[in-house]
N, C-alpha and C. Protein backbone atom coordinates (compact mmCIF):
# COMPACT_ATOMS: atom_id res chain seq x y z
N UNK A 1 0.96 -1.32 -0.02
CA UNK A 1 0.06 0.08 -0.34
C UNK A 1 0.82 1.38 -0.01
N UNK A 2 2.22 1.01 0.14
CA UNK A 2 2.67 2.37 0.39
C UNK A 2 3.47 2.78 -1.13
N UNK A 3 3.37 2.14 -2.11
CA UNK A 3 3.39 2.65 -3.51
C UNK A 3 1.87 3.38 -3.87
N UNK A 4 0.97 2.92 -3.69
CA UNK A 4 -0.31 3.47 -3.56
C UNK A 4 -0.49 4.58 -3.12
N UNK A 5 -0.27 4.85 -1.53
CA UNK A 5 -0.18 6.02 -1.28
C UNK A 5 0.81 7.28 -1.57
N UNK A 6 1.98 6.52 -1.93
CA UNK A 6 3.04 7.69 -2.79
C UNK A 6 2.41 8.15 -3.36
N UNK A 7 1.86 7.51 -4.86
CA UNK A 7 1.47 7.98 -5.78
C UNK A 7 -0.09 8.90 -5.88
N UNK A 8 -0.92 8.47 -4.42
CA UNK A 8 -2.00 8.89 -4.45
C UNK A 8 -2.07 9.15 -3.07
N UNK A 9 -2.11 10.44 -2.23
CA UNK A 9 -2.21 10.41 -0.76
C UNK A 9 -3.48 10.08 -0.66
N UNK A 10 -3.47 9.39 0.73
CA UNK A 10 -4.42 8.67 1.31
C UNK A 10 -5.70 9.38 1.38
N UNK A 11 -5.44 10.54 1.97
CA UNK A 11 -6.71 11.28 2.15
C UNK A 11 -7.19 11.94 0.68
N UNK A 12 -6.74 12.00 -0.17
CA UNK A 12 -6.94 12.31 -1.26
C UNK A 12 -7.93 11.41 -1.92
N UNK A 13 -7.44 10.50 -1.85
CA UNK A 13 -7.78 8.88 -2.12
C UNK A 13 -9.39 8.62 -1.57
N UNK A 14 -9.01 8.77 -0.51
CA UNK A 14 -10.50 8.47 0.54
C UNK A 14 -11.66 9.56 -0.08
N UNK A 15 -11.28 10.77 -0.12
CA UNK A 15 -12.15 11.76 -0.05
C UNK A 15 -12.77 11.36 -1.67
N UNK A 16 -12.22 11.33 -2.76
CA UNK A 16 -12.49 10.95 -4.28
C UNK A 16 -13.05 9.64 -4.16
N UNK A 17 -12.95 8.71 -3.11
CA UNK A 17 -14.04 7.53 -3.49
C UNK A 17 -15.08 7.41 -2.63
N UNK A 18 -15.32 8.36 -1.69
CA UNK A 18 -16.24 8.75 -0.61
C UNK A 18 -17.14 9.94 -1.76
N UNK A 19 -16.60 10.77 -2.39
CA UNK A 19 -17.44 11.35 -3.00
C UNK A 19 -18.60 10.60 -4.41
N UNK A 20 -17.77 9.29 -4.66
CA UNK A 20 -18.69 8.59 -5.75
C UNK A 20 -18.26 8.80 -7.30
N UNK A 21 -17.84 9.67 -7.40
CA UNK A 21 -17.52 10.45 -8.58
C UNK A 21 -16.54 9.92 -9.45
N UNK A 22 -15.66 8.44 -8.65
CA UNK A 22 -14.64 7.71 -9.24
C UNK A 22 -15.34 6.97 -10.34
N UNK A 23 -16.85 6.75 -10.97
CA UNK A 23 -17.25 6.06 -11.76
C UNK A 23 -17.53 7.21 -13.32
N UNK A 24 -17.20 8.35 -13.18
CA UNK A 24 -17.30 9.15 -14.34
C UNK A 24 -15.72 9.28 -14.43
N UNK A 25 -15.93 9.25 -15.97
CA UNK A 25 -14.36 9.51 -16.96
C UNK A 25 -13.86 10.96 -16.50
N UNK A 26 -14.75 11.90 -16.88
CA UNK A 26 -14.33 13.45 -16.52
C UNK A 26 -13.69 13.50 -15.00
N UNK A 27 -14.66 12.68 -13.85
CA UNK A 27 -13.89 13.11 -12.50
C UNK A 27 -12.35 12.04 -12.10
N UNK A 28 -12.40 11.34 -12.99
CA UNK A 28 -11.06 10.48 -12.91
C UNK A 28 -9.96 11.60 -13.74
N UNK A 29 -10.34 12.01 -14.84
CA UNK A 29 -9.57 13.26 -15.34
C UNK A 29 -9.29 14.37 -14.51
N UNK A 30 -9.92 14.47 -14.07
CA UNK A 30 -9.55 15.84 -13.39
C UNK A 30 -9.24 15.67 -11.86
N UNK A 31 -9.37 14.26 -11.24
CA UNK A 31 -8.83 14.07 -10.11
C UNK A 31 -7.31 14.01 -10.74
N UNK A 32 -7.03 13.46 -11.63
CA UNK A 32 -5.40 12.97 -11.82
C UNK A 32 -4.73 13.96 -12.19
N UNK A 33 -5.24 14.88 -12.91
CA UNK A 33 -4.98 16.17 -12.98
C UNK A 33 -4.59 17.22 -12.05
N UNK A 34 -5.65 17.08 -10.56
CA UNK A 34 -5.14 17.63 -9.76
C UNK A 34 -4.13 16.80 -8.85
N UNK A 35 -3.83 15.76 -9.16
CA UNK A 35 -2.34 15.54 -8.35
C UNK A 35 -1.38 15.23 -9.35
N UNK A 36 -1.63 15.64 -10.68
CA UNK A 36 -0.47 15.38 -11.89
C UNK A 36 0.51 14.41 -11.99
N UNK A 37 -0.81 13.31 -12.03
CA UNK A 37 -0.74 11.87 -12.31
C UNK A 37 -1.29 11.32 -13.71
N UNK A 38 -0.82 10.48 -14.02
CA UNK A 38 -1.53 9.90 -15.19
C UNK A 38 -2.93 8.98 -14.91
N UNK A 39 -3.86 9.50 -15.40
CA UNK A 39 -5.31 9.08 -15.23
C UNK A 39 -5.04 7.37 -14.98
N UNK A 40 -3.90 6.73 -16.01
CA UNK A 40 -3.70 5.24 -16.05
C UNK A 40 -3.83 4.92 -14.73
N UNK A 41 -2.95 5.87 -13.52
CA UNK A 41 -2.67 5.17 -12.58
C UNK A 41 -3.78 5.23 -11.56
N UNK A 42 -4.64 6.05 -11.77
CA UNK A 42 -6.30 6.26 -10.73
C UNK A 42 -7.15 4.88 -11.30
N UNK A 43 -6.77 4.37 -12.99
CA UNK A 43 -7.83 3.57 -13.55
C UNK A 43 -7.19 2.46 -12.66
N UNK A 44 -5.80 1.88 -12.89
CA UNK A 44 -5.45 1.17 -12.14
C UNK A 44 -5.57 0.49 -10.92
N UNK A 45 -5.59 1.68 -10.12
CA UNK A 45 -6.01 1.64 -8.54
C UNK A 45 -7.17 1.58 -8.52
N UNK A 46 -8.12 1.61 -9.20
CA UNK A 46 -9.78 1.71 -9.11
C UNK A 46 -10.22 0.03 -9.42
N UNK A 47 -9.20 -0.35 -10.66
CA UNK A 47 -9.99 -1.81 -10.75
C UNK A 47 -9.01 -2.52 -9.57
N UNK A 48 -7.86 -2.19 -9.18
CA UNK A 48 -7.18 -3.43 -8.39
C UNK A 48 -8.05 -3.22 -7.11
N UNK A 49 -8.91 -2.29 -6.66
CA UNK A 49 -9.53 -2.18 -5.44
C UNK A 49 -10.92 -2.51 -5.48
N UNK A 50 -10.91 -3.14 -7.00
CA UNK A 50 -12.48 -3.52 -7.31
C UNK A 50 -13.48 -2.70 -7.08
N UNK A 51 -13.03 -1.43 -7.23
CA UNK A 51 -14.25 -0.33 -7.15
C UNK A 51 -14.40 -0.14 -8.95
N UNK A 52 -13.50 -0.94 -9.83
CA UNK A 52 -14.04 -0.38 -11.18
C UNK A 52 -13.84 -2.17 -11.90
N UNK A 53 -14.60 -2.43 -12.49
CA UNK A 53 -14.22 -3.77 -13.46
C UNK A 53 -12.99 -3.60 -14.39
N UNK A 54 -12.12 -4.62 -14.64
CA UNK A 54 -11.09 -4.70 -15.51
C UNK A 54 -11.08 -4.19 -16.81
N UNK A 55 -12.36 -3.78 -17.10
CA UNK A 55 -13.08 -3.73 -18.53
C UNK A 55 -13.02 -2.23 -18.84
N UNK A 56 -13.11 -1.43 -17.82
CA UNK A 56 -13.89 0.09 -17.82
C UNK A 56 -12.43 1.20 -17.51
N UNK A 57 -12.74 2.12 -18.38
CA UNK A 57 -12.02 3.21 -18.74
C UNK A 57 -10.81 2.73 -19.15
N UNK A 58 -10.52 1.95 -19.94
CA UNK A 58 -9.33 1.40 -20.43
C UNK A 58 -8.62 2.19 -21.44
N UNK A 59 -9.72 3.17 -22.06
CA UNK A 59 -9.13 3.94 -23.28
C UNK A 59 -8.44 5.14 -22.46
N UNK A 60 -8.49 5.35 -21.12
CA UNK A 60 -7.38 6.41 -20.70
C UNK A 60 -6.04 6.12 -20.65
N UNK A 61 -6.08 4.61 -20.95
CA UNK A 61 -4.70 3.95 -20.71
C UNK A 61 -3.72 4.29 -21.89
N UNK A 62 -2.74 4.37 -21.98
CA UNK A 62 -1.32 4.59 -23.27
C UNK A 62 -1.52 2.90 -23.67
N UNK A 63 -1.48 2.81 -24.68
CA UNK A 63 -0.97 1.15 -25.27
C UNK A 63 0.40 1.64 -26.00
N UNK A 64 1.05 0.77 -25.65
CA UNK A 64 2.71 0.53 -26.17
C UNK A 64 2.54 -0.66 -26.93
N UNK A 65 3.64 -0.63 -28.21
CA UNK A 65 3.61 -1.50 -29.16
C UNK A 65 5.27 -1.72 -28.84
N UNK A 66 6.05 -2.53 -28.58
CA UNK A 66 7.18 -3.07 -28.78
C UNK A 66 7.85 -3.51 -30.33
N UNK A 67 8.42 -2.83 -30.77
CA UNK A 67 8.90 -3.33 -31.70
C UNK A 67 9.96 -4.62 -31.83
N UNK A 68 10.19 -5.29 -32.70
CA UNK A 68 10.98 -6.66 -32.33
C UNK A 68 12.65 -6.12 -33.03
N UNK A 69 13.43 -6.31 -32.50
CA UNK A 69 14.79 -6.18 -32.82
C UNK A 69 15.03 -7.33 -33.83
N UNK A 70 15.49 -6.93 -34.79
CA UNK A 70 16.16 -7.95 -35.89
C UNK A 70 17.32 -7.94 -36.33
N UNK A 71 18.13 -9.12 -35.57
CA UNK A 71 19.32 -9.39 -35.44
C UNK A 71 20.14 -9.79 -36.75
């Protein structure tokens, strides 16, 4: 839980969850912007804590494709 609280302060997280707004993309974006972190961090924590299904708001995550190096 140290890493979670390091990235998102416990008091801020508690207020955000208690507000019930975490189900809204706009609220997630505003919250992550206020904390100056990626929305993917907020989404990941919401999903990890079972507050959002793993299928929700994944469009707010960045996708990377790694190119295979040819030898």
